[in-house]
């Protein structure tokens, strides 16, 4: 119905970079949430002082995977 003008090369690069920024932000937020979850579990169980570190470690890897999905969806949506 409505046709949009095609994006220029700098706009396409900006979309990809903004998607990568969203990917990194997702990874950071996911690792922070994993750390907070580890702290909460440690406070409840009173054992395992290493749980926040494990939350950071595995939360970051999960965040990278989720971030790549966010980046892909972001770029596909904006570059059409």
PDB file of N, CA and C in Angstrom:
ATOM      1  N   UNK A   1       0.828  -1.172   0.000  1.00  0.00           N
ATOM      2  CA  UNK A   1       0.000   0.000   0.000  1.00  0.00           C
ATOM      3  C   UNK A   1       0.883   1.248   0.000  1.00  0.00           C
ATOM      4  N   UNK A   2       1.630   1.446   1.067  1.00  0.00           N
ATOM      5  CA  UNK A   2       2.547   2.575   1.124  1.00  0.00           C
ATOM      6  C   UNK A   2       3.959   2.058   0.897  1.00  0.00           C
ATOM      7  N   UNK A   3       4.647   2.681  -0.012  1.00  0.00           N
ATOM      8  CA  UNK A   3       6.021   2.279  -0.267  1.00  0.00           C
ATOM      9  C   UNK A   3       6.950   3.307   0.354  1.00  0.00           C
ATOM     10  N   UNK A   4       7.911   2.820   1.097  1.00  0.00           N
ATOM     11  CA  UNK A   4       8.881   3.726   1.698  1.00  0.00           C
ATOM     12  C   UNK A   4      10.086   3.847   0.787  1.00  0.00           C
ATOM     13  N   UNK A   5      10.806   4.916   0.963  1.00  0.00           N
ATOM     14  CA  UNK A   5      12.006   5.096   0.163  1.00  0.00           C
ATOM     15  C   UNK A   5      13.082   4.150   0.670  1.00  0.00           C
ATOM     16  N   UNK A   6      13.913   3.659  -0.222  1.00  0.00           N
ATOM     17  CA  UNK A   6      14.972   2.753   0.219  1.00  0.00           C
ATOM     18  C   UNK A   6      15.985   3.498   1.096  1.00  0.00           C
ATOM     19  N   UNK A   7      16.571   2.753   2.026  1.00  0.00           N
ATOM     20  CA  UNK A   7      17.546   3.343   2.926  1.00  0.00           C
ATOM     21  C   UNK A   7      18.877   3.533   2.216  1.00  0.00           C
ATOM     22  N   UNK A   8      19.559   4.607   2.562  1.00  0.00           N
ATOM     23  CA  UNK A   8      20.898   4.830   2.015  1.00  0.00           C
ATOM     24  C   UNK A   8      21.892   3.940   2.757  1.00  0.00           C
ATOM     25  N   UNK A   9      23.103   3.864   2.243  1.00  0.00           N
ATOM     26  CA  UNK A   9      24.134   3.029   2.859  1.00  0.00           C
ATOM     27  C   UNK A   9      24.458   3.475   4.286  1.00  0.00           C
ATOM     28  N   UNK A  10      24.621   4.780   4.570  1.00  0.00           N
ATOM     29  CA  UNK A  10      24.873   5.171   5.963  1.00  0.00           C
ATOM     30  C   UNK A  10      23.709   4.824   6.900  1.00  0.00           C
ATOM     31  N   UNK A  11      22.492   4.904   6.398  1.00  0.00           N
ATOM     32  CA  UNK A  11      21.342   4.531   7.224  1.00  0.00           C
ATOM     33  C   UNK A  11      21.346   3.034   7.510  1.00  0.00           C
ATOM     34  N   UNK A  12      21.703   2.228   6.529  1.00  0.00           N
ATOM     35  CA  UNK A  12      21.785   0.780   6.737  1.00  0.00           C
ATOM     36  C   UNK A  12      22.874   0.437   7.748  1.00  0.00           C
ATOM     37  N   UNK A  13      24.014   1.104   7.644  1.00  0.00           N
ATOM     38  CA  UNK A  13      25.093   0.880   8.609  1.00  0.00           C
ATOM     39  C   UNK A  13      24.638   1.292  10.005  1.00  0.00           C
ATOM     40  N   UNK A  14      23.909   2.394  10.095  1.00  0.00           N
ATOM     41  CA  UNK A  14      23.376   2.839  11.377  1.00  0.00           C
ATOM     42  C   UNK A  14      22.403   1.846  11.976  1.00  0.00           C
ATOM     43  N   UNK A  15      21.570   1.238  11.160  1.00  0.00           N
ATOM     44  CA  UNK A  15      20.622   0.236  11.646  1.00  0.00           C
ATOM     45  C   UNK A  15      21.365  -0.973  12.195  1.00  0.00           C
ATOM     46  N   UNK A  16      22.386  -1.427  11.470  1.00  0.00           N
ATOM     47  CA  UNK A  16      23.161  -2.594  11.915  1.00  0.00           C
ATOM     48  C   UNK A  16      23.889  -2.278  13.217  1.00  0.00           C
ATOM     49  N   UNK A  17      24.498  -1.098  13.307  1.00  0.00           N
ATOM     50  CA  UNK A  17      25.216  -0.721  14.527  1.00  0.00           C
ATOM     51  C   UNK A  17      24.268  -0.542  15.710  1.00  0.00           C
ATOM     52  N   UNK A  18      23.110   0.018  15.467  1.00  0.00           N
ATOM     53  CA  UNK A  18      22.122   0.160  16.540  1.00  0.00           C
ATOM     54  C   UNK A  18      21.628  -1.212  16.998  1.00  0.00           C
ATOM     55  N   UNK A  19      21.491  -2.142  16.061  1.00  0.00           N
ATOM     56  CA  UNK A  19      21.125  -3.511  16.421  1.00  0.00           C
ATOM     57  C   UNK A  19      22.208  -4.181  17.252  1.00  0.00           C
ATOM     58  N   UNK A  20      23.478  -3.937  16.910  1.00  0.00           N
ATOM     59  CA  UNK A  20      24.576  -4.491  17.701  1.00  0.00           C
ATOM     60  C   UNK A  20      24.619  -3.877  19.098  1.00  0.00           C
ATOM     61  N   UNK A  21      24.286  -2.600  19.201  1.00  0.00           N
ATOM     62  CA  UNK A  21      24.210  -1.956  20.509  1.00  0.00           C
ATOM     63  C   UNK A  21      23.097  -2.586  21.348  1.00  0.00           C
ATOM     64  N   UNK A  22      21.980  -2.891  20.718  1.00  0.00           N
ATOM     65  CA  UNK A  22      20.899  -3.586  21.425  1.00  0.00           C
ATOM     66  C   UNK A  22      21.341  -4.980  21.849  1.00  0.00           C
ATOM     67  N   UNK A  23      22.139  -5.647  21.038  1.00  0.00           N
ATOM     68  CA  UNK A  23      22.668  -6.971  21.358  1.00  0.00           C
ATOM     69  C   UNK A  23      23.574  -6.912  22.582  1.00  0.00           C
ATOM     70  N   UNK A  24      24.480  -5.956  22.614  1.00  0.00           N
ATOM     71  CA  UNK A  24      25.392  -5.810  23.748  1.00  0.00           C
ATOM     72  C   UNK A  24      24.613  -5.428  25.005  1.00  0.00           C
ATOM     73  N   UNK A  25      23.652  -4.538  24.866  1.00  0.00           N
ATOM     74  CA  UNK A  25      22.824  -4.160  26.010  1.00  0.00           C
ATOM     75  C   UNK A  25      22.054  -5.342  26.571  1.00  0.00           C
ATOM     76  N   UNK A  26      21.550  -6.183  25.702  1.00  0.00           N
ATOM     77  CA  UNK A  26      20.844  -7.378  26.151  1.00  0.00           C
ATOM     78  C   UNK A  26      21.769  -8.309  26.908  1.00  0.00           C
ATOM     79  N   UNK A  27      22.997  -8.484  26.423  1.00  0.00           N
ATOM     80  CA  UNK A  27      23.964  -9.351  27.101  1.00  0.00           C
ATOM     81  C   UNK A  27      24.325  -8.806  28.479  1.00  0.00           C
ATOM     82  N   UNK A  28      24.508  -7.498  28.580  1.00  0.00           N
ATOM     83  CA  UNK A  28      24.860  -6.888  29.866  1.00  0.00           C
ATOM     84  C   UNK A  28      23.711  -7.001  30.857  1.00  0.00           C
ATOM     85  N   UNK A  29      22.511  -6.693  30.409  1.00  0.00           N
ATOM     86  CA  UNK A  29      21.347  -6.763  31.308  1.00  0.00           C
ATOM     87  C   UNK A  29      21.099  -8.202  31.754  1.00  0.00           C
ATOM     88  N   UNK A  30      21.244  -9.153  30.858  1.00  0.00           N
ATOM     89  CA  UNK A  30      21.038 -10.549  31.214  1.00  0.00           C
ATOM     90  C   UNK A  30      22.065 -11.023  32.237  1.00  0.00           C
ATOM     91  N   UNK A  31      23.324 -10.587  32.107  1.00  0.00           N
ATOM     92  CA  UNK A  31      24.336 -10.989  33.083  1.00  0.00           C
ATOM     93  C   UNK A  31      24.083 -10.327  34.435  1.00  0.00           C
ATOM     94  N   UNK A  32      23.608  -9.085  34.447  1.00  0.00           N
ATOM     95  CA  UNK A  32      23.273  -8.428  35.712  1.00  0.00           C
ATOM     96  C   UNK A  32      22.107  -9.135  36.390  1.00  0.00           C
ATOM     97  N   UNK A  33      21.105  -9.514  35.621  1.00  0.00           N
ATOM     98  CA  UNK A  33      19.963 -10.241  36.185  1.00  0.00           C
ATOM     99  C   UNK A  33      20.413 -11.595  36.732  1.00  0.00           C
ATOM    100  N   UNK A  34      21.316 -12.276  36.021  1.00  0.00           N
ATOM    101  CA  UNK A  34      21.847 -13.547  36.517  1.00  0.00           C
ATOM    102  C   UNK A  34      22.592 -13.372  37.827  1.00  0.00           C
ATOM    103  N   UNK A  35      23.369 -12.299  37.936  1.00  0.00           N
ATOM    104  CA  UNK A  35      24.090 -12.017  39.181  1.00  0.00           C
ATOM    105  C   UNK A  35      23.116 -11.727  40.319  1.00  0.00           C
ATOM    106  N   UNK A  36      22.105 -10.921  40.057  1.00  0.00           N
ATOM    107  CA  UNK A  36      21.110 -10.616  41.096  1.00  0.00           C
ATOM    108  C   UNK A  36      20.338 -11.861  41.519  1.00  0.00           C
ATOM    109  N   UNK A  37      20.060 -12.721  40.566  1.00  0.00           N
ATOM    110  CA  UNK A  37      19.392 -13.977  40.893  1.00  0.00           C
ATOM    111  C   UNK A  37      20.298 -14.850  41.753  1.00  0.00           C
ATOM    112  N   UNK A  38      21.596 -14.881  41.438  1.00  0.00           N
ATOM    113  CA  UNK A  38      22.553 -15.624  42.253  1.00  0.00           C
ATOM    114  C   UNK A  38      22.637 -15.062  43.668  1.00  0.00           C
ATOM    115  N   UNK A  39      22.618 -13.738  43.809  1.00  0.00           N
ATOM    116  CA  UNK A  39      22.637 -13.112  45.136  1.00  0.00           C
ATOM    117  C   UNK A  39      21.382 -13.480  45.919  1.00  0.00           C
ATOM    118  N   UNK A  40      20.230 -13.440  45.242  1.00  0.00           N
ATOM    119  CA  UNK A  40      18.980 -13.776  45.919  1.00  0.00           C
ATOM    120  C   UNK A  40      18.974 -15.227  46.396  1.00  0.00           C
ATOM    121  N   UNK A  41      19.438 -16.131  45.555  1.00  0.00           N
ATOM    122  CA  UNK A  41      19.483 -17.545  45.953  1.00  0.00           C
ATOM    123  C   UNK A  41      20.470 -17.745  47.091  1.00  0.00           C
ATOM    124  N   UNK A  42      21.597 -17.033  47.037  1.00  0.00           N
ATOM    125  CA  UNK A  42      22.580 -17.141  48.111  1.00  0.00           C
ATOM    126  C   UNK A  42      22.007 -16.629  49.433  1.00  0.00           C
ATOM    127  N   UNK A  43      21.267 -15.547  49.386  1.00  0.00           N
ATOM    128  CA  UNK A  43      20.678 -15.011  50.615  1.00  0.00           C
ATOM    129  C   UNK A  43      19.615 -15.945  51.190  1.00  0.00           C
ATOM    130  N   UNK A  44      18.885 -16.625  50.332  1.00  0.00           N
ATOM    131  CA  UNK A  44      17.835 -17.537  50.798  1.00  0.00           C
ATOM    132  C   UNK A  44      18.446 -18.805  51.382  1.00  0.00           C
ATOM    133  N   UNK A  45      19.431 -19.384  50.701  1.00  0.00           N
ATOM    134  CA  UNK A  45      19.974 -20.673  51.121  1.00  0.00           C
ATOM    135  C   UNK A  45      21.157 -20.551  52.075  1.00  0.00           C
ATOM    136  N   UNK A  46      21.771 -19.392  52.155  1.00  0.00           N
ATOM    137  CA  UNK A  46      22.928 -19.133  53.021  1.00  0.00           C
ATOM    138  C   UNK A  46      24.134 -20.020  52.700  1.00  0.00           C
ATOM    139  N   UNK A  47      24.245 -20.475  51.461  1.00  0.00           N
ATOM    140  CA  UNK A  47      25.414 -21.224  51.041  1.00  0.00           C
ATOM    141  C   UNK A  47      25.718 -20.894  49.592  1.00  0.00           C
ATOM    142  N   UNK A  48      26.906 -21.227  49.201  1.00  0.00           N
ATOM    143  CA  UNK A  48      27.275 -21.029  47.794  1.00  0.00           C
ATOM    144  C   UNK A  48      27.579 -19.586  47.474  1.00  0.00           C
ATOM    145  N   UNK A  49      28.644 -19.024  48.054  1.00  0.00           N
ATOM    146  CA  UNK A  49      29.018 -17.650  47.771  1.00  0.00           C
ATOM    147  C   UNK A  49      29.449 -17.419  46.334  1.00  0.00           C
ATOM    148  N   UNK A  50      29.568 -18.469  45.558  1.00  0.00           N
ATOM    149  CA  UNK A  50      29.994 -18.378  44.168  1.00  0.00           C
ATOM    150  C   UNK A  50      28.816 -18.217  43.212  1.00  0.00           C
ATOM    151  N   UNK A  51      27.587 -18.281  43.706  1.00  0.00           N
ATOM    152  CA  UNK A  51      26.416 -18.208  42.825  1.00  0.00           C
ATOM    153  C   UNK A  51      26.313 -16.902  42.035  1.00  0.00           C
ATOM    154  N   UNK A  52      26.623 -15.734  42.633  1.00  0.00           N
ATOM    155  CA  UNK A  52      26.576 -14.519  41.799  1.00  0.00           C
ATOM    156  C   UNK A  52      27.567 -14.544  40.633  1.00  0.00           C
ATOM    157  N   UNK A  53      28.736 -15.135  40.854  1.00  0.00           N
ATOM    158  CA  UNK A  53      29.710 -15.228  39.760  1.00  0.00           C
ATOM    159  C   UNK A  53      29.232 -16.167  38.656  1.00  0.00           C
ATOM    160  N   UNK A  54      28.621 -17.260  39.064  1.00  0.00           N
ATOM    161  CA  UNK A  54      28.072 -18.177  38.066  1.00  0.00           C
ATOM    162  C   UNK A  54      26.934 -17.501  37.297  1.00  0.00           C
ATOM    163  N   UNK A  55      26.131 -16.712  38.012  1.00  0.00           N
ATOM    164  CA  UNK A  55      25.066 -15.970  37.343  1.00  0.00           C
ATOM    165  C   UNK A  55      25.603 -14.994  36.319  1.00  0.00           C
ATOM    166  N   UNK A  56      26.694 -14.312  36.670  1.00  0.00           N
ATOM    167  CA  UNK A  56      27.321 -13.402  35.703  1.00  0.00           C
ATOM    168  C   UNK A  56      27.859 -14.158  34.499  1.00  0.00           C
ATOM    169  N   UNK A  57      28.548 -15.249  34.765  1.00  0.00           N
ATOM    170  CA  UNK A  57      29.199 -16.009  33.706  1.00  0.00           C
ATOM    171  C   UNK A  57      28.184 -16.585  32.717  1.00  0.00           C
ATOM    172  N   UNK A  58      27.255 -17.366  33.222  1.00  0.00           N
ATOM    173  CA  UNK A  58      26.276 -17.995  32.332  1.00  0.00           C
ATOM    174  C   UNK A  58      25.226 -17.011  31.838  1.00  0.00           C
ATOM    175  N   UNK A  59      24.942 -15.985  32.631  1.00  0.00           N
ATOM    176  CA  UNK A  59      24.008 -14.956  32.171  1.00  0.00           C
ATOM    177  C   UNK A  59      24.544 -14.201  30.978  1.00  0.00           C
ATOM    178  N   UNK A  60      25.861 -14.000  30.953  1.00  0.00           N
ATOM    179  CA  UNK A  60      26.465 -13.310  29.812  1.00  0.00           C
ATOM    180  C   UNK A  60      26.347 -14.150  28.548  1.00  0.00           C
ATOM    181  N   UNK A  61      26.617 -15.449  28.659  1.00  0.00           N
ATOM    182  CA  UNK A  61      26.498 -16.310  27.479  1.00  0.00           C
ATOM    183  C   UNK A  61      25.046 -16.422  27.001  1.00  0.00           C
ATOM    184  N   UNK A  62      24.131 -16.530  27.935  1.00  0.00           N
ATOM    185  CA  UNK A  62      22.718 -16.544  27.553  1.00  0.00           C
ATOM    186  C   UNK A  62      22.335 -15.205  26.926  1.00  0.00           C
ATOM    187  N   UNK A  63      22.880 -14.121  27.472  1.00  0.00           N
ATOM    188  CA  UNK A  63      22.601 -12.801  26.925  1.00  0.00           C
ATOM    189  C   UNK A  63      23.132 -12.624  25.520  1.00  0.00           C
ATOM    190  N   UNK A  64      24.268 -13.232  25.215  1.00  0.00           N
ATOM    191  CA  UNK A  64      24.796 -13.156  23.848  1.00  0.00           C
ATOM    192  C   UNK A  64      23.853 -13.866  22.884  1.00  0.00           C
ATOM    193  N   UNK A  65      23.381 -15.039  23.271  1.00  0.00           N
ATOM    194  CA  UNK A  65      22.446 -15.761  22.391  1.00  0.00           C
ATOM    195  C   UNK A  65      21.141 -14.991  22.210  1.00  0.00           C
ATOM    196  N   UNK A  66      20.596 -14.488  23.304  1.00  0.00           N
ATOM    197  CA  UNK A  66      19.362 -13.700  23.217  1.00  0.00           C
ATOM    198  C   UNK A  66      19.615 -12.411  22.444  1.00  0.00           C
ATOM    199  N   UNK A  67      20.777 -11.796  22.680  1.00  0.00           N
ATOM    200  CA  UNK A  67      21.127 -10.569  21.971  1.00  0.00           C
ATOM    201  C   UNK A  67      21.247 -10.756  20.475  1.00  0.00           C
ATOM    202  N   UNK A  68      21.780 -11.894  20.046  1.00  0.00           N
ATOM    203  CA  UNK A  68      21.855 -12.160  18.611  1.00  0.00           C
ATOM    204  C   UNK A  68      20.464 -12.281  17.986  1.00  0.00           C
ATOM    205  N   UNK A  69      19.545 -12.879  18.729  1.00  0.00           N
ATOM    206  CA  UNK A  69      18.165 -12.956  18.237  1.00  0.00           C
ATOM    207  C   UNK A  69      17.549 -11.562  18.160  1.00  0.00           C
ATOM    208  N   UNK A  70      17.806 -10.741  19.188  1.00  0.00           N
ATOM    209  CA  UNK A  70      17.306  -9.358  19.181  1.00  0.00           C
ATOM    210  C   UNK A  70      17.899  -8.589  18.007  1.00  0.00           C
ATOM    211  N   UNK A  71      19.219  -8.754  17.781  1.00  0.00           N
ATOM    212  CA  UNK A  71      19.875  -8.061  16.680  1.00  0.00           C
ATOM    213  C   UNK A  71      19.283  -8.479  15.332  1.00  0.00           C
ATOM    214  N   UNK A  72      19.082  -9.771  15.148  1.00  0.00           N
ATOM    215  CA  UNK A  72      18.528 -10.278  13.893  1.00  0.00           C
ATOM    216  C   UNK A  72      17.130  -9.730  13.643  1.00  0.00           C
ATOM    217  N   UNK A  73      16.282  -9.798  14.678  1.00  0.00           N
ATOM    218  CA  UNK A  73      14.911  -9.302  14.521  1.00  0.00           C
ATOM    219  C   UNK A  73      14.890  -7.793  14.262  1.00  0.00           C
ATOM    220  N   UNK A  74      15.775  -7.062  14.948  1.00  0.00           N
ATOM    221  CA  UNK A  74      15.859  -5.616  14.785  1.00  0.00           C
ATOM    222  C   UNK A  74      16.253  -5.256  13.349  1.00  0.00           C
ATOM    223  N   UNK A  75      17.283  -5.931  12.853  1.00  0.00           N
ATOM    224  CA  UNK A  75      17.762  -5.626  11.489  1.00  0.00           C
ATOM    225  C   UNK A  75      16.755  -6.032  10.438  1.00  0.00           C
ATOM    226  N   UNK A  76      16.132  -7.172  10.604  1.00  0.00           N
ATOM    227  CA  UNK A  76      15.154  -7.617   9.604  1.00  0.00           C
ATOM    228  C   UNK A  76      13.978  -6.651   9.538  1.00  0.00           C
ATOM    229  N   UNK A  77      13.554  -6.201  10.711  1.00  0.00           N
ATOM    230  CA  UNK A  77      12.404  -5.295  10.766  1.00  0.00           C
ATOM    231  C   UNK A  77      12.733  -3.939  10.145  1.00  0.00           C
ATOM    232  N   UNK A  78      13.917  -3.416  10.417  1.00  0.00           N
ATOM    233  CA  UNK A  78      14.261  -2.072   9.962  1.00  0.00           C
ATOM    234  C   UNK A  78      14.781  -2.022   8.533  1.00  0.00           C
ATOM    235  N   UNK A  79      15.365  -3.095   8.045  1.00  0.00           N
ATOM    236  CA  UNK A  79      15.973  -3.062   6.715  1.00  0.00           C
ATOM    237  C   UNK A  79      15.031  -3.483   5.600  1.00  0.00           C
ATOM    238  N   UNK A  80      13.804  -3.760   5.898  1.00  0.00           N
ATOM    239  CA  UNK A  80      12.856  -4.126   4.835  1.00  0.00           C
ATOM    240  C   UNK A  80      12.494  -2.949   4.000  1.00  0.00           C
TER     241      UNK A  80
END
